[in-house]
Amino acid sequence: RETGGHLTTIEYDAARARTAADNVRRAGLSEVVT
């Protein structure tokens, strides 16, 4: 967020990936992290 960059993160487990996406959203980083 400081650099104007973007992260793509990959998770093998589908349930964990959904939780990760929700946590990223709750952190206010949905535009920074996919």
ModelCIF file with pLDDT and N, C-alpha, C, O atoms, coordinates in Angstrom:
data_MODEL
#
_entry.id   MODEL 
#
_entity.id                         1 
_entity.type                       polymer 
_entity.pdbx_number_of_molecules   1 
#
_entity_poly.entity_id                      1 
_entity_poly.type                           'polypeptide(L)' 
_entity_poly.nstd_linkage                   no 
_entity_poly.nstd_monomer                   no 
_entity_poly.pdbx_seq_one_letter_code       RETGGHLTTIEYDAARARTAADNVRRAGLSEVVT 
_entity_poly.pdbx_seq_one_letter_code_can   RETGGHLTTIEYDAARARTAADNVRRAGLSEVVT 
_entity_poly.pdbx_strand_id                 A 
#
loop_
_entity_poly_seq.entity_id 
_entity_poly_seq.num 
_entity_poly_seq.mon_id 
_entity_poly_seq.hetero 
1 1  ARG n 
1 2  GLU n 
1 3  THR n 
1 4  GLY n 
1 5  GLY n 
1 6  HIS n 
1 7  LEU n 
1 8  THR n 
1 9  THR n 
1 10 ILE n 
1 11 GLU n 
1 12 TYR n 
1 13 ASP n 
1 14 ALA n 
1 15 ALA n 
1 16 ARG n 
1 17 ALA n 
1 18 ARG n 
1 19 THR n 
1 20 ALA n 
1 21 ALA n 
1 22 ASP n 
1 23 ASN n 
1 24 VAL n 
1 25 ARG n 
1 26 ARG n 
1 27 ALA n 
1 28 GLY n 
1 29 LEU n 
1 30 SER n 
1 31 GLU n 
1 32 VAL n 
1 33 VAL n 
1 34 THR n 
#
_struct_asym.id          A 
_struct_asym.entity_id   1 
#
loop_
_ma_qa_metric.id 
_ma_qa_metric.mode 
_ma_qa_metric.name 
_ma_qa_metric.software_group_id 
_ma_qa_metric.type 
1 global pLDDT . pLDDT 
2 local  pLDDT . pLDDT 
#
_ma_qa_metric_global.metric_id      1 
_ma_qa_metric_global.metric_value   96.88 
_ma_qa_metric_global.model_id       1 
_ma_qa_metric_global.ordinal_id     1 
#
loop_
_ma_qa_metric_local.label_asym_id 
_ma_qa_metric_local.label_comp_id 
_ma_qa_metric_local.label_seq_id 
_ma_qa_metric_local.metric_id 
_ma_qa_metric_local.metric_value 
_ma_qa_metric_local.model_id 
_ma_qa_metric_local.ordinal_id 
A ARG 1  2 96.00 1 1  
A GLU 2  2 95.00 1 2  
A THR 3  2 97.00 1 3  
A GLY 4  2 98.00 1 4  
A GLY 5  2 98.00 1 5  
A HIS 6  2 98.00 1 6  
A LEU 7  2 98.00 1 7  
A THR 8  2 98.00 1 8  
A THR 9  2 98.00 1 9  
A ILE 10 2 98.00 1 10 
A GLU 11 2 97.00 1 11 
A TYR 12 2 95.00 1 12 
A ASP 13 2 95.00 1 13 
A ALA 14 2 97.00 1 14 
A ALA 15 2 95.00 1 15 
A ARG 16 2 95.00 1 16 
A ALA 17 2 97.00 1 17 
A ARG 18 2 97.00 1 18 
A THR 19 2 96.00 1 19 
A ALA 20 2 96.00 1 20 
A ALA 21 2 98.00 1 21 
A ASP 22 2 97.00 1 22 
A ASN 23 2 97.00 1 23 
A VAL 24 2 98.00 1 24 
A ARG 25 2 97.00 1 25 
A ARG 26 2 96.00 1 26 
A ALA 27 2 96.00 1 27 
A GLY 28 2 96.00 1 28 
A LEU 29 2 97.00 1 29 
A SER 30 2 97.00 1 30 
A GLU 31 2 97.00 1 31 
A VAL 32 2 98.00 1 32 
A VAL 33 2 98.00 1 33 
A THR 34 2 98.00 1 34 
#
loop_
_atom_site.group_PDB 
_atom_site.id 
_atom_site.type_symbol 
_atom_site.label_atom_id 
_atom_site.label_alt_id 
_atom_site.label_comp_id 
_atom_site.label_asym_id 
_atom_site.label_entity_id 
_atom_site.label_seq_id 
_atom_site.pdbx_PDB_ins_code 
_atom_site.Cartn_x 
_atom_site.Cartn_y 
_atom_site.Cartn_z 
_atom_site.occupancy 
_atom_site.B_iso_or_equiv 
_atom_site.pdbx_formal_charge 
_atom_site.auth_seq_id 
_atom_site.auth_comp_id 
_atom_site.auth_asym_id 
_atom_site.auth_atom_id 
_atom_site.pdbx_PDB_model_num 
ATOM 1   N N  . ARG A 1 1  ? 0.835   -1.203  0.000  1.00 96.00 ? 1  ARG A N  1 
ATOM 2   C CA . ARG A 1 1  ? 0.000   0.000   0.000  1.00 96.00 ? 1  ARG A CA 1 
ATOM 3   C C  . ARG A 1 1  ? 0.871   1.255   0.000  1.00 96.00 ? 1  ARG A C  1 
ATOM 4   O O  . ARG A 1 1  ? 0.470   2.298   -0.517 1.00 96.00 ? 1  ARG A O  1 
ATOM 5   N N  . GLU A 1 2  ? 2.062   1.146   0.582  1.00 95.00 ? 2  GLU A N  1 
ATOM 6   C CA . GLU A 1 2  ? 2.995   2.267   0.586  1.00 95.00 ? 2  GLU A CA 1 
ATOM 7   C C  . GLU A 1 2  ? 3.649   2.464   -0.778 1.00 95.00 ? 2  GLU A C  1 
ATOM 8   O O  . GLU A 1 2  ? 3.970   3.592   -1.152 1.00 95.00 ? 2  GLU A O  1 
ATOM 9   N N  . THR A 1 3  ? 3.848   1.393   -1.516 1.00 97.00 ? 3  THR A N  1 
ATOM 10  C CA . THR A 1 3  ? 4.565   1.477   -2.794 1.00 97.00 ? 3  THR A CA 1 
ATOM 11  C C  . THR A 1 3  ? 3.629   1.605   -3.997 1.00 97.00 ? 3  THR A C  1 
ATOM 12  O O  . THR A 1 3  ? 4.079   1.867   -5.112 1.00 97.00 ? 3  THR A O  1 
ATOM 13  N N  . GLY A 1 4  ? 2.329   1.420   -3.770 1.00 98.00 ? 4  GLY A N  1 
ATOM 14  C CA . GLY A 1 4  ? 1.402   1.384   -4.893 1.00 98.00 ? 4  GLY A CA 1 
ATOM 15  C C  . GLY A 1 4  ? 1.443   0.064   -5.638 1.00 98.00 ? 4  GLY A C  1 
ATOM 16  O O  . GLY A 1 4  ? 1.051   -0.008  -6.803 1.00 98.00 ? 4  GLY A O  1 
ATOM 17  N N  . GLY A 1 5  ? 1.913   -0.978  -4.975 1.00 98.00 ? 5  GLY A N  1 
ATOM 18  C CA . GLY A 1 5  ? 2.058   -2.279  -5.615 1.00 98.00 ? 5  GLY A CA 1 
ATOM 19  C C  . GLY A 1 5  ? 0.860   -3.183  -5.400 1.00 98.00 ? 5  GLY A C  1 
ATOM 20  O O  . GLY A 1 5  ? -0.146  -2.785  -4.814 1.00 98.00 ? 5  GLY A O  1 
ATOM 21  N N  . HIS A 1 6  ? 0.990   -4.412  -5.888 1.00 98.00 ? 6  HIS A N  1 
ATOM 22  C CA . HIS A 1 6  ? -0.098  -5.389  -5.806 1.00 98.00 ? 6  HIS A CA 1 
ATOM 23  C C  . HIS A 1 6  ? 0.469   -6.775  -5.520 1.00 98.00 ? 6  HIS A C  1 
ATOM 24  O O  . HIS A 1 6  ? 1.536   -7.135  -6.019 1.00 98.00 ? 6  HIS A O  1 
ATOM 25  N N  . LEU A 1 7  ? -0.250  -7.542  -4.718 1.00 98.00 ? 7  LEU A N  1 
ATOM 26  C CA . LEU A 1 7  ? 0.125   -8.912  -4.378 1.00 98.00 ? 7  LEU A CA 1 
ATOM 27  C C  . LEU A 1 7  ? -0.903  -9.888  -4.919 1.00 98.00 ? 7  LEU A C  1 
ATOM 28  O O  . LEU A 1 7  ? -2.107  -9.701  -4.742 1.00 98.00 ? 7  LEU A O  1 
ATOM 29  N N  . THR A 1 8  ? -0.418  -10.935 -5.581 1.00 98.00 ? 8  THR A N  1 
ATOM 30  C CA . THR A 1 8  ? -1.241  -12.092 -5.905 1.00 98.00 ? 8  THR A CA 1 
ATOM 31  C C  . THR A 1 8  ? -0.801  -13.223 -4.994 1.00 98.00 ? 8  THR A C  1 
ATOM 32  O O  . THR A 1 8  ? 0.371   -13.601 -4.998 1.00 98.00 ? 8  THR A O  1 
ATOM 33  N N  . THR A 1 9  ? -1.725  -13.769 -4.213 1.00 98.00 ? 9  THR A N  1 
ATOM 34  C CA . THR A 1 9  ? -1.388  -14.849 -3.293 1.00 98.00 ? 9  THR A CA 1 
ATOM 35  C C  . THR A 1 9  ? -2.208  -16.074 -3.630 1.00 98.00 ? 9  THR A C  1 
ATOM 36  O O  . THR A 1 9  ? -3.399  -15.965 -3.923 1.00 98.00 ? 9  THR A O  1 
ATOM 37  N N  . ILE A 1 10 ? -1.586  -17.238 -3.592 1.00 98.00 ? 10 ILE A N  1 
ATOM 38  C CA . ILE A 1 10 ? -2.210  -18.489 -4.014 1.00 98.00 ? 10 ILE A CA 1 
ATOM 39  C C  . ILE A 1 10 ? -2.320  -19.435 -2.826 1.00 98.00 ? 10 ILE A C  1 
ATOM 40  O O  . ILE A 1 10 ? -1.353  -19.639 -2.091 1.00 98.00 ? 10 ILE A O  1 
ATOM 41  N N  . GLU A 1 11 ? -3.497  -20.007 -2.646 1.00 97.00 ? 11 GLU A N  1 
ATOM 42  C CA . GLU A 1 11 ? -3.731  -20.966 -1.561 1.00 97.00 ? 11 GLU A CA 1 
ATOM 43  C C  . GLU A 1 11 ? -4.354  -22.239 -2.126 1.00 97.00 ? 11 GLU A C  1 
ATOM 44  O O  . GLU A 1 11 ? -5.362  -22.191 -2.830 1.00 97.00 ? 11 GLU A O  1 
ATOM 45  N N  . TYR A 1 12 ? -3.740  -23.376 -1.808 1.00 95.00 ? 12 TYR A N  1 
ATOM 46  C CA . TYR A 1 12 ? -4.175  -24.666 -2.343 1.00 95.00 ? 12 TYR A CA 1 
ATOM 47  C C  . TYR A 1 12 ? -5.563  -25.057 -1.848 1.00 95.00 ? 12 TYR A C  1 
ATOM 48  O O  . TYR A 1 12 ? -6.396  -25.512 -2.632 1.00 95.00 ? 12 TYR A O  1 
ATOM 49  N N  . ASP A 1 13 ? -5.816  -24.881 -0.548 1.00 95.00 ? 13 ASP A N  1 
ATOM 50  C CA . ASP A 1 13 ? -7.066  -25.312 0.058  1.00 95.00 ? 13 ASP A CA 1 
ATOM 51  C C  . ASP A 1 13 ? -8.172  -24.289 -0.211 1.00 95.00 ? 13 ASP A C  1 
ATOM 52  O O  . ASP A 1 13 ? -8.021  -23.114 0.125  1.00 95.00 ? 13 ASP A O  1 
ATOM 53  N N  . ALA A 1 14 ? -9.273  -24.725 -0.810 1.00 97.00 ? 14 ALA A N  1 
ATOM 54  C CA . ALA A 1 14 ? -10.320 -23.788 -1.226 1.00 97.00 ? 14 ALA A CA 1 
ATOM 55  C C  . ALA A 1 14 ? -10.966 -23.076 -0.046 1.00 97.00 ? 14 ALA A C  1 
ATOM 56  O O  . ALA A 1 14 ? -11.252 -21.881 -0.129 1.00 97.00 ? 14 ALA A O  1 
ATOM 57  N N  . ALA A 1 15 ? -11.202 -23.793 1.054  1.00 95.00 ? 15 ALA A N  1 
ATOM 58  C CA . ALA A 1 15 ? -11.824 -23.170 2.226  1.00 95.00 ? 15 ALA A CA 1 
ATOM 59  C C  . ALA A 1 15 ? -10.901 -22.121 2.824  1.00 95.00 ? 15 ALA A C  1 
ATOM 60  O O  . ALA A 1 15 ? -11.345 -21.036 3.201  1.00 95.00 ? 15 ALA A O  1 
ATOM 61  N N  . ARG A 1 16 ? -9.613  -22.448 2.912  1.00 95.00 ? 16 ARG A N  1 
ATOM 62  C CA . ARG A 1 16 ? -8.668  -21.461 3.445  1.00 95.00 ? 16 ARG A CA 1 
ATOM 63  C C  . ARG A 1 16 ? -8.569  -20.255 2.521  1.00 95.00 ? 16 ARG A C  1 
ATOM 64  O O  . ARG A 1 16 ? -8.447  -19.123 2.990  1.00 95.00 ? 16 ARG A O  1 
ATOM 65  N N  . ALA A 1 17 ? -8.619  -20.487 1.220  1.00 97.00 ? 17 ALA A N  1 
ATOM 66  C CA . ALA A 1 17 ? -8.551  -19.376 0.271  1.00 97.00 ? 17 ALA A CA 1 
ATOM 67  C C  . ALA A 1 17 ? -9.733  -18.433 0.451  1.00 97.00 ? 17 ALA A C  1 
ATOM 68  O O  . ALA A 1 17 ? -9.569  -17.215 0.389  1.00 97.00 ? 17 ALA A O  1 
ATOM 69  N N  . ARG A 1 18 ? -10.921 -18.983 0.673  1.00 97.00 ? 18 ARG A N  1 
ATOM 70  C CA . ARG A 1 18 ? -12.090 -18.129 0.902  1.00 97.00 ? 18 ARG A CA 1 
ATOM 71  C C  . ARG A 1 18 ? -11.926 -17.314 2.182  1.00 97.00 ? 18 ARG A C  1 
ATOM 72  O O  . ARG A 1 18 ? -12.254 -16.128 2.219  1.00 97.00 ? 18 ARG A O  1 
ATOM 73  N N  . THR A 1 19 ? -11.418 -17.955 3.222  1.00 96.00 ? 19 THR A N  1 
ATOM 74  C CA . THR A 1 19 ? -11.188 -17.235 4.474  1.00 96.00 ? 19 THR A CA 1 
ATOM 75  C C  . THR A 1 19 ? -10.132 -16.161 4.293  1.00 96.00 ? 19 THR A C  1 
ATOM 76  O O  . THR A 1 19 ? -10.263 -15.058 4.824  1.00 96.00 ? 19 THR A O  1 
ATOM 77  N N  . ALA A 1 20 ? -9.081  -16.479 3.543  1.00 96.00 ? 20 ALA A N  1 
ATOM 78  C CA . ALA A 1 20 ? -8.026  -15.495 3.293  1.00 96.00 ? 20 ALA A CA 1 
ATOM 79  C C  . ALA A 1 20 ? -8.580  -14.285 2.561  1.00 96.00 ? 20 ALA A C  1 
ATOM 80  O O  . ALA A 1 20 ? -8.269  -13.147 2.912  1.00 96.00 ? 20 ALA A O  1 
ATOM 81  N N  . ALA A 1 21 ? -9.401  -14.527 1.541  1.00 98.00 ? 21 ALA A N  1 
ATOM 82  C CA . ALA A 1 21 ? -9.984  -13.417 0.780  1.00 98.00 ? 21 ALA A CA 1 
ATOM 83  C C  . ALA A 1 21 ? -10.865 -12.553 1.677  1.00 98.00 ? 21 ALA A C  1 
ATOM 84  O O  . ALA A 1 21 ? -10.865 -11.328 1.559  1.00 98.00 ? 21 ALA A O  1 
ATOM 85  N N  . ASP A 1 22 ? -11.613 -13.191 2.569  1.00 97.00 ? 22 ASP A N  1 
ATOM 86  C CA . ASP A 1 22 ? -12.469 -12.428 3.485  1.00 97.00 ? 22 ASP A CA 1 
ATOM 87  C C  . ASP A 1 22 ? -11.622 -11.619 4.458  1.00 97.00 ? 22 ASP A C  1 
ATOM 88  O O  . ASP A 1 22 ? -11.950 -10.472 4.761  1.00 97.00 ? 22 ASP A O  1 
ATOM 89  N N  . ASN A 1 23 ? -10.539 -12.207 4.948  1.00 97.00 ? 23 ASN A N  1 
ATOM 90  C CA . ASN A 1 23 ? -9.663  -11.473 5.873  1.00 97.00 ? 23 ASN A CA 1 
ATOM 91  C C  . ASN A 1 23 ? -8.994  -10.288 5.175  1.00 97.00 ? 23 ASN A C  1 
ATOM 92  O O  . ASN A 1 23 ? -8.845  -9.217  5.762  1.00 97.00 ? 23 ASN A O  1 
ATOM 93  N N  . VAL A 1 24 ? -8.600  -10.486 3.939  1.00 98.00 ? 24 VAL A N  1 
ATOM 94  C CA . VAL A 1 24 ? -8.021  -9.379  3.164  1.00 98.00 ? 24 VAL A CA 1 
ATOM 95  C C  . VAL A 1 24 ? -9.044  -8.259  2.997  1.00 98.00 ? 24 VAL A C  1 
ATOM 96  O O  . VAL A 1 24 ? -8.713  -7.080  3.125  1.00 98.00 ? 24 VAL A O  1 
ATOM 97  N N  . ARG A 1 25 ? -10.283 -8.636  2.712  1.00 97.00 ? 25 ARG A N  1 
ATOM 98  C CA . ARG A 1 25 ? -11.351 -7.633  2.577  1.00 97.00 ? 25 ARG A CA 1 
ATOM 99  C C  . ARG A 1 25 ? -11.552 -6.876  3.881  1.00 97.00 ? 25 ARG A C  1 
ATOM 100 O O  . ARG A 1 25 ? -11.678 -5.652  3.884  1.00 97.00 ? 25 ARG A O  1 
ATOM 101 N N  . ARG A 1 26 ? -11.582 -7.612  4.990  1.00 96.00 ? 26 ARG A N  1 
ATOM 102 C CA . ARG A 1 26 ? -11.783 -6.978  6.298  1.00 96.00 ? 26 ARG A CA 1 
ATOM 103 C C  . ARG A 1 26 ? -10.622 -6.054  6.647  1.00 96.00 ? 26 ARG A C  1 
ATOM 104 O O  . ARG A 1 26 ? -10.795 -5.081  7.381  1.00 96.00 ? 26 ARG A O  1 
ATOM 105 N N  . ALA A 1 27 ? -9.451  -6.357  6.125  1.00 96.00 ? 27 ALA A N  1 
ATOM 106 C CA . ALA A 1 27 ? -8.279  -5.511  6.371  1.00 96.00 ? 27 ALA A CA 1 
ATOM 107 C C  . ALA A 1 27 ? -8.271  -4.274  5.483  1.00 96.00 ? 27 ALA A C  1 
ATOM 108 O O  . ALA A 1 27 ? -7.404  -3.412  5.627  1.00 96.00 ? 27 ALA A O  1 
ATOM 109 N N  . GLY A 1 28 ? -9.236  -4.178  4.559  1.00 96.00 ? 28 GLY A N  1 
ATOM 110 C CA . GLY A 1 28 ? -9.291  -3.033  3.661  1.00 96.00 ? 28 GLY A CA 1 
ATOM 111 C C  . GLY A 1 28 ? -8.253  -3.075  2.564  1.00 96.00 ? 28 GLY A C  1 
ATOM 112 O O  . GLY A 1 28 ? -7.826  -2.032  2.068  1.00 96.00 ? 28 GLY A O  1 
ATOM 113 N N  . LEU A 1 29 ? -7.839  -4.287  2.175  1.00 97.00 ? 29 LEU A N  1 
ATOM 114 C CA . LEU A 1 29 ? -6.757  -4.432  1.203  1.00 97.00 ? 29 LEU A CA 1 
ATOM 115 C C  . LEU A 1 29 ? -7.197  -5.154  -0.074 1.00 97.00 ? 29 LEU A C  1 
ATOM 116 O O  . LEU A 1 29 ? -6.356  -5.670  -0.811 1.00 97.00 ? 29 LEU A O  1 
ATOM 117 N N  . SER A 1 30 ? -8.491  -5.193  -0.340 1.00 97.00 ? 30 SER A N  1 
ATOM 118 C CA . SER A 1 30 ? -8.977  -5.931  -1.501 1.00 97.00 ? 30 SER A CA 1 
ATOM 119 C C  . SER A 1 30 ? -8.416  -5.397  -2.816 1.00 97.00 ? 30 SER A C  1 
ATOM 120 O O  . SER A 1 30 ? -8.256  -6.156  -3.771 1.00 97.00 ? 30 SER A O  1 
ATOM 121 N N  . GLU A 1 31 ? -8.115  -4.093  -2.874 1.00 97.00 ? 31 GLU A N  1 
ATOM 122 C CA . GLU A 1 31 ? -7.553  -3.525  -4.102 1.00 97.00 ? 31 GLU A CA 1 
ATOM 123 C C  . GLU A 1 31 ? -6.050  -3.753  -4.213 1.00 97.00 ? 31 GLU A C  1 
ATOM 124 O O  . GLU A 1 31 ? -5.458  -3.534  -5.270 1.00 97.00 ? 31 GLU A O  1 
ATOM 125 N N  . VAL A 1 32 ? -5.439  -4.191  -3.120 1.00 98.00 ? 32 VAL A N  1 
ATOM 126 C CA . VAL A 1 32 ? -3.989  -4.408  -3.086 1.00 98.00 ? 32 VAL A CA 1 
ATOM 127 C C  . VAL A 1 32 ? -3.640  -5.888  -3.213 1.00 98.00 ? 32 VAL A C  1 
ATOM 128 O O  . VAL A 1 32 ? -2.592  -6.234  -3.758 1.00 98.00 ? 32 VAL A O  1 
ATOM 129 N N  . VAL A 1 33 ? -4.517  -6.764  -2.711 1.00 98.00 ? 33 VAL A N  1 
ATOM 130 C CA . VAL A 1 33 ? -4.231  -8.200  -2.639 1.00 98.00 ? 33 VAL A CA 1 
ATOM 131 C C  . VAL A 1 33 ? -5.316  -8.992  -3.362 1.00 98.00 ? 33 VAL A C  1 
ATOM 132 O O  . VAL A 1 33 ? -6.505  -8.808  -3.102 1.00 98.00 ? 33 VAL A O  1 
ATOM 133 N N  . THR A 1 34 ? -4.900  -9.875  -4.271 1.00 98.00 ? 34 THR A N  1 
ATOM 134 C CA . THR A 1 34 ? -5.806  -10.809 -4.942 1.00 98.00 ? 34 THR A CA 1 
ATOM 135 C C  . THR A 1 34 ? -5.497  -12.216 -4.469 1.00 98.00 ? 34 THR A C  1 
ATOM 136 O O  . THR A 1 34 ? -6.141  -13.170 -4.904 1.00 98.00 ? 34 THR A O  1 
#
